[in-house]
Amino acid sequence: MFSFKEIASVTLILFAVIDILGSIPIIIDLRKREGKIESEKATIISGILMIVFLFVGDGILQLFGIDFESFAMAGAIIIFLIGLEMILGKDLFHSDPEVKSGSIVPLAFPLIVGAGTMTTLLSLRAAYSLPNVLVGIVLNLMFVYIVLKASPWLERKLGKAGANVLRKVFGVILLAIAIKLFKTNLPI
């Protein structure tokens, strides 16, 4: 049933795909824009999205006639736009100032649980036993929560100039990830 090797594999794969450490500049930007990040809310909603998609994701995509490649392309477009925001310092996603939803959109979805995470979950479900996948999800959510809670401390340690440099560097990395997703999922 439970396998340490499978749990470790699932955890590491999800950790690489979620890339919460690479999202630190975005988290800092969101916290500045929104005033605060609701770590608990973002983590719980991310967990719900992951678990729901783990069980019904394939059916949802089939219901709408969406293949994995199209779903990944949609995620790539969002990642590309977020990368542009980071590099250019311009807000492309405008939200209602009255509604503070940054902990849900874009943090829980699509940054933590985006197209890459969702398609990875479906692949993991096919390759590993369900209890091990669930444990891997929980371990990743614990790490996500710690990083979200530590974002004010991380911002202080980085300073304004360090956060700006990190934001630009990770913006370029996000653009590269988006382009890789485009190339990987384009029909040939």
Protein backbone atom coordinates (compact mmCIF):
# COMPACT_ATOMS: atom_id res chain seq x y z
CA MET A 1 0.00 0.00 0.00
CA PHE A 2 2.31 2.78 1.23
CA SER A 3 5.75 2.81 -0.34
CA PHE A 4 8.44 5.22 0.81
CA LYS A 5 10.06 5.05 -2.62
CA GLU A 6 6.80 5.94 -4.41
CA ILE A 7 6.01 8.72 -1.91
CA ALA A 8 9.50 10.18 -2.41
CA SER A 9 9.16 10.01 -6.20
CA VAL A 10 5.70 11.60 -6.23
CA THR A 11 6.78 14.30 -3.78
CA LEU A 12 9.88 15.23 -5.79
CA ILE A 13 8.02 15.24 -9.11
CA LEU A 14 5.26 17.49 -7.73
CA PHE A 15 7.85 19.71 -6.00
CA ALA A 16 9.60 20.28 -9.32
CA VAL A 17 6.35 20.98 -11.18
CA ILE A 18 4.80 23.25 -8.53
CA ASP A 19 8.12 25.12 -8.13
CA ILE A 20 6.97 27.18 -5.17
CA LEU A 21 10.52 28.47 -4.64
CA GLY A 22 10.54 29.84 -8.20
CA SER A 23 7.25 31.58 -7.43
CA ILE A 24 8.66 33.62 -4.54
CA PRO A 25 8.94 36.84 -6.62
CA ILE A 26 5.32 36.44 -7.74
CA ILE A 27 4.23 35.79 -4.15
CA ILE A 28 6.04 38.94 -3.01
CA ASP A 29 4.39 40.96 -5.80
CA LEU A 30 0.97 39.60 -4.90
CA ARG A 31 1.50 40.41 -1.23
CA LYS A 32 2.42 44.00 -2.15
CA ARG A 33 -0.59 44.34 -4.46
CA GLU A 34 -3.13 42.62 -2.19
CA GLY A 35 -1.76 43.74 1.16
CA LYS A 36 -1.31 40.18 2.40
CA ILE A 37 -1.31 36.56 1.31
CA GLU A 38 -3.75 34.24 3.05
CA SER A 39 -1.41 31.27 3.36
CA GLU A 40 -3.98 28.92 4.87
CA LYS A 41 -6.63 29.76 2.27
CA ALA A 42 -4.22 29.42 -0.67
CA THR A 43 -2.89 26.10 0.64
CA ILE A 44 -6.33 24.63 1.36
CA ILE A 45 -7.75 25.68 -2.02
CA SER A 46 -4.63 24.33 -3.76
CA GLY A 47 -5.09 21.04 -1.94
CA ILE A 48 -8.78 20.83 -2.85
CA LEU A 49 -8.01 21.59 -6.50
CA MET A 50 -5.28 18.96 -6.64
CA ILE A 51 -7.33 16.23 -4.98
CA VAL A 52 -10.47 16.96 -7.01
CA PHE A 53 -8.47 16.99 -10.24
CA LEU A 54 -6.71 13.79 -9.22
CA PHE A 55 -10.07 12.01 -9.04
CA VAL A 56 -12.15 13.71 -11.75
CA GLY A 57 -9.68 15.61 -13.92
CA ASP A 58 -9.59 13.14 -16.75
CA GLY A 59 -13.37 13.06 -16.86
CA ILE A 60 -13.62 16.85 -16.84
CA LEU A 61 -11.21 17.20 -19.75
CA GLN A 62 -13.06 14.49 -21.69
CA LEU A 63 -16.43 16.10 -20.90
CA PHE A 64 -15.30 19.30 -22.60
CA GLY A 65 -13.43 17.45 -25.32
CA ILE A 66 -10.09 18.90 -24.20
CA ASP A 67 -6.89 16.94 -24.67
CA PHE A 68 -3.83 17.23 -22.41
CA GLU A 69 -1.94 19.22 -25.02
CA SER A 70 -4.61 21.92 -25.28
CA PHE A 71 -4.87 22.12 -21.50
CA ALA A 72 -1.09 22.47 -21.21
CA MET A 73 -1.11 25.18 -23.94
CA ALA A 74 -3.69 27.19 -21.96
CA GLY A 75 -1.46 26.93 -18.90
CA ALA A 76 1.53 27.99 -21.01
CA ILE A 77 -0.28 31.16 -22.11
CA ILE A 78 -1.03 32.10 -18.49
CA ILE A 79 2.57 31.39 -17.44
CA PHE A 80 3.82 33.45 -20.40
CA LEU A 81 1.68 36.44 -19.40
CA ILE A 82 2.77 36.23 -15.75
CA GLY A 83 6.40 36.14 -16.92
CA LEU A 84 5.79 39.26 -19.04
CA GLU A 85 4.27 41.00 -16.02
CA MET A 86 7.38 40.22 -13.98
CA ILE A 87 9.84 41.39 -16.63
CA LEU A 88 7.98 44.51 -17.76
CA GLY A 89 6.72 45.54 -14.34
CA LYS A 90 3.22 46.05 -15.79
CA ASP A 91 -0.03 44.56 -14.52
CA LEU A 92 -1.71 42.53 -17.21
CA PHE A 93 -4.18 40.90 -14.84
CA HIS A 94 -6.34 43.65 -13.38
CA SER A 95 -8.54 42.75 -10.49
CA ASP A 96 -11.31 44.56 -8.68
CA PRO A 97 -9.61 46.46 -5.82
CA GLU A 98 -12.64 45.71 -3.64
CA VAL A 99 -12.18 41.97 -4.04
CA LYS A 100 -8.95 40.65 -2.58
CA SER A 101 -8.67 37.27 -4.29
CA GLY A 102 -4.93 37.07 -4.96
CA SER A 103 -4.62 34.10 -2.61
CA ILE A 104 -6.93 32.16 -4.91
CA VAL A 105 -6.26 33.59 -8.39
CA PRO A 106 -3.43 33.65 -9.49
CA LEU A 107 -1.73 32.06 -6.45
CA ALA A 108 -3.67 28.82 -5.77
CA PHE A 109 -4.65 28.64 -9.44
CA PRO A 110 -2.71 28.73 -11.77
CA LEU A 111 0.64 29.22 -9.95
CA ILE A 112 0.49 26.38 -7.45
CA VAL A 113 -2.08 24.23 -9.24
CA GLY A 114 -1.73 25.04 -12.90
CA ALA A 115 -2.00 22.99 -16.05
CA GLY A 116 1.40 21.42 -15.41
CA THR A 117 0.45 20.29 -11.90
CA MET A 118 -2.91 19.00 -13.07
CA THR A 119 -1.59 16.97 -15.98
CA THR A 120 1.24 15.68 -13.77
CA LEU A 121 -1.32 14.51 -11.20
CA LEU A 122 -3.15 12.50 -13.85
CA SER A 123 0.14 10.94 -14.95
CA LEU A 124 1.11 10.16 -11.35
CA ARG A 125 -2.25 8.53 -10.70
CA ALA A 126 -1.63 6.21 -13.62
CA ALA A 127 1.92 5.33 -12.48
CA TYR A 128 1.69 5.17 -8.66
CA SER A 129 -0.76 3.91 -6.07
CA LEU A 130 -3.37 6.45 -4.98
CA PRO A 131 -2.39 6.60 -1.26
CA ASN A 132 1.21 7.40 -2.19
CA VAL A 133 0.09 10.18 -4.56
CA LEU A 134 -2.11 11.65 -1.81
CA VAL A 135 0.78 11.63 0.68
CA GLY A 136 2.99 13.34 -1.93
CA ILE A 137 0.34 16.03 -2.41
CA VAL A 138 0.09 16.64 1.35
CA LEU A 139 3.87 16.89 1.75
CA ASN A 140 4.05 19.43 -1.07
CA LEU A 141 1.18 21.45 0.42
CA MET A 142 3.04 21.61 3.74
CA PHE A 143 6.09 23.03 1.96
CA VAL A 144 3.91 25.48 0.00
CA TYR A 145 2.37 26.69 3.26
CA ILE A 146 5.79 27.24 4.85
CA VAL A 147 7.02 29.26 1.85
CA LEU A 148 3.83 31.37 1.77
CA LYS A 149 4.09 32.07 5.51
CA ALA A 150 7.78 32.97 5.16
CA SER A 151 7.26 35.37 2.23
CA PRO A 152 7.46 38.57 4.35
CA TRP A 153 10.71 37.31 5.90
CA LEU A 154 12.07 36.34 2.48
CA GLU A 155 11.21 39.78 1.13
CA ARG A 156 13.04 41.49 4.00
CA LYS A 157 16.11 39.30 3.45
CA LEU A 158 16.14 39.95 -0.30
CA GLY A 159 15.57 43.69 -0.01
CA LYS A 160 13.97 45.80 -2.73
CA ALA A 161 16.83 45.47 -5.21
CA GLY A 162 17.24 41.73 -4.62
CA ALA A 163 13.51 41.12 -5.04
CA ASN A 164 13.52 43.15 -8.25
CA VAL A 165 16.46 41.20 -9.72
CA LEU A 166 14.88 37.90 -8.64
CA ARG A 167 11.55 38.94 -10.20
CA LYS A 168 13.20 39.71 -13.56
CA VAL A 169 15.26 36.50 -13.56
CA PHE A 170 12.26 34.33 -12.72
CA GLY A 171 10.19 36.24 -15.26
CA VAL A 172 12.61 35.12 -17.95
CA ILE A 173 12.52 31.58 -16.56
CA LEU A 174 8.70 31.60 -16.68
CA LEU A 175 8.82 32.77 -20.29
CA ALA A 176 11.22 29.94 -21.10
CA ILE A 177 8.95 27.41 -19.35
CA ALA A 178 5.95 28.75 -21.30
CA ILE A 179 7.83 28.47 -24.60
CA LYS A 180 8.92 24.92 -23.72
CA LEU A 181 5.27 24.03 -23.00
CA PHE A 182 4.29 25.54 -26.36
CA LYS A 183 6.96 23.56 -28.21
CA THR A 184 6.19 20.32 -26.39
CA ASN A 185 2.44 20.52 -26.96
CA LEU A 186 2.26 21.87 -30.50
CA PRO A 187 0.84 19.33 -32.89
CA ILE A 188 3.45 18.29 -35.40
